[in-house]
Protein backbone atom coordinates (compact mmCIF):
# COMPACT_ATOMS: atom_id res chain seq x y z
CA MET A 1 0.00 0.00 0.00
CA ALA A 2 1.41 3.40 -0.98
CA ASP A 3 0.52 6.67 0.66
CA ILE A 4 1.80 9.63 -1.30
CA GLU A 5 2.36 12.55 1.00
CA GLY A 6 2.63 14.96 -1.91
CA ALA A 7 5.24 17.44 -2.80
CA ALA A 8 6.41 19.61 0.05
CA VAL A 9 7.20 22.16 -2.62
CA PRO A 10 5.98 21.27 -6.12
CA GLU A 11 8.71 19.65 -8.21
CA ARG A 12 11.22 19.80 -5.31
CA LEU A 13 10.48 16.88 -2.93
CA LEU A 14 8.02 14.03 -3.26
CA ILE A 15 7.54 11.74 -0.26
CA THR A 16 5.89 8.34 -0.67
CA ARG A 17 5.21 6.00 2.23
CA THR A 18 4.65 2.26 1.79
CA THR A 19 4.42 -0.66 4.19
CA THR A 20 6.22 -3.98 3.76
CA ASP A 21 4.57 -7.34 4.44
CA ASP A 22 6.16 -7.45 7.90
CA GLY A 23 4.90 -3.96 8.81
CA ALA A 24 8.04 -1.90 8.24
CA CYS A 25 7.56 1.56 6.80
CA VAL A 26 9.50 2.55 3.66
CA VAL A 27 9.70 6.29 3.03
CA THR A 28 10.77 6.96 -0.54
CA LEU A 29 12.06 10.41 -1.37
CA ALA A 30 12.48 12.01 -4.78
CA GLY A 31 13.99 15.42 -5.41
CA GLU A 32 15.73 17.79 -3.03
CA VAL A 33 15.70 17.51 0.76
CA ASP A 34 16.14 21.08 1.93
CA LEU A 35 14.52 23.60 4.26
CA ASP A 36 11.31 23.67 2.22
CA GLY A 37 10.61 19.94 2.64
CA SER A 38 12.49 18.89 5.75
CA ALA A 39 9.65 19.60 8.21
CA GLN A 40 7.28 17.40 6.19
CA LEU A 41 9.95 14.69 6.00
CA ARG A 42 10.43 14.84 9.77
CA ASP A 43 6.68 14.55 10.35
CA VAL A 44 6.35 11.56 8.01
CA LEU A 45 9.30 9.80 9.65
CA LEU A 46 7.97 10.40 13.16
CA SER A 47 4.56 9.10 12.10
CA CYS A 48 6.12 5.92 10.70
CA LEU A 49 8.23 5.39 13.80
CA GLU A 50 5.10 5.53 15.98
CA MET A 51 3.29 2.75 14.11
CA ALA A 52 5.95 0.48 12.58
CA PRO A 53 8.63 -1.82 13.98
CA GLY A 54 11.12 0.00 11.80
CA THR A 55 11.52 2.54 9.02
CA VAL A 56 13.70 2.68 5.92
CA VAL A 57 14.38 5.99 4.18
CA ASP A 58 15.01 5.42 0.47
CA PHE A 59 17.34 8.12 -0.89
CA GLY A 60 17.68 6.58 -4.36
CA GLU A 61 16.04 9.53 -6.12
CA VAL A 62 17.38 12.34 -3.91
CA THR A 63 19.66 14.73 -5.76
CA PHE A 64 20.46 17.15 -2.92
CA MET A 65 20.28 17.29 0.87
CA ASP A 66 21.23 20.13 3.19
CA SER A 67 21.55 20.47 6.97
CA SER A 68 17.80 20.70 7.49
CA GLY A 69 17.49 17.18 6.05
CA ILE A 70 20.26 16.02 8.37
CA ASN A 71 18.37 17.53 11.31
CA ALA A 72 15.20 15.66 10.30
CA LEU A 73 17.16 12.40 10.24
CA ILE A 74 18.74 13.04 13.64
CA THR A 75 15.33 13.85 15.14
CA ALA A 76 13.96 10.62 13.67
CA HIS A 77 16.97 8.66 14.98
CA GLN A 78 16.35 9.98 18.50
CA ALA A 79 12.64 9.11 18.26
CA ALA A 80 13.47 5.59 17.03
CA ARG A 81 15.78 5.03 20.00
CA GLU A 82 13.13 6.30 22.43
CA ARG A 83 10.51 3.97 20.93
CA ASP A 84 12.94 1.03 20.64
CA VAL A 85 12.36 0.67 16.88
CA TRP A 86 14.88 0.80 14.05
CA LEU A 87 15.68 3.44 11.45
CA ARG A 88 17.81 2.68 8.38
CA LEU A 89 18.88 4.60 5.30
CA ALA A 90 19.03 3.11 1.83
CA ALA A 91 20.47 3.76 -1.62
CA PRO A 92 21.93 7.26 -1.24
CA ARG A 93 23.47 8.73 -4.36
CA GLN A 94 27.09 9.83 -4.14
CA ALA A 95 26.31 13.49 -3.35
CA VAL A 96 23.94 12.55 -0.52
CA GLN A 97 26.28 9.84 0.76
CA ARG A 98 29.03 12.43 0.99
CA VAL A 99 26.86 14.73 3.12
CA LEU A 100 25.93 11.81 5.39
CA GLN A 101 29.60 10.91 5.80
CA LEU A 102 30.81 14.49 6.34
CA VAL A 103 28.50 15.02 9.31
CA GLY A 104 28.77 11.45 10.62
CA VAL A 105 25.12 10.44 10.14
CA ASP A 106 26.22 7.26 8.35
CA ALA A 107 27.91 6.19 11.62
CA LEU A 108 24.79 7.01 13.64
CA ILE A 109 22.11 5.51 11.37
CA PRO A 110 22.85 2.29 9.45
CA CYS A 111 23.08 2.88 5.70
CA TYR A 112 22.54 0.15 3.09
CA PRO A 113 23.12 0.09 -0.68
CA THR A 114 19.53 -1.03 -1.44
CA VAL A 115 16.08 -0.78 0.11
CA GLU A 116 15.81 -4.57 0.20
CA GLU A 117 19.01 -4.88 2.21
CA ALA A 118 17.89 -2.12 4.57
CA VAL A 119 14.54 -3.80 5.20
CA ALA A 120 16.25 -7.14 5.86
CA GLY A 121 18.76 -5.44 8.15
């Protein structure tokens, strides 16, 4: 089942939420994760973390991410720890992977090359 959250800013960030057979939430992003869409991303992630045993954020179609996106991920990571559920990142492109590495998020939140690997853990 897919739940499209809509574009935070038209043509900038599209957020789609699906649920796996085992109840995990997969949040698929497409576009740019910046100040305009980061609050919506944070809200979607927090919603998933409240109802699912774990959440995967699919970065496969993300072309840009700034510090506001990093802040949304850190907030989600803290919420996941408080709720004793897991949060994983998947398929970041090179530019996004570099941002994750520069600020150390890849050491804080497990990052996998594919969504399937992230779901399997």
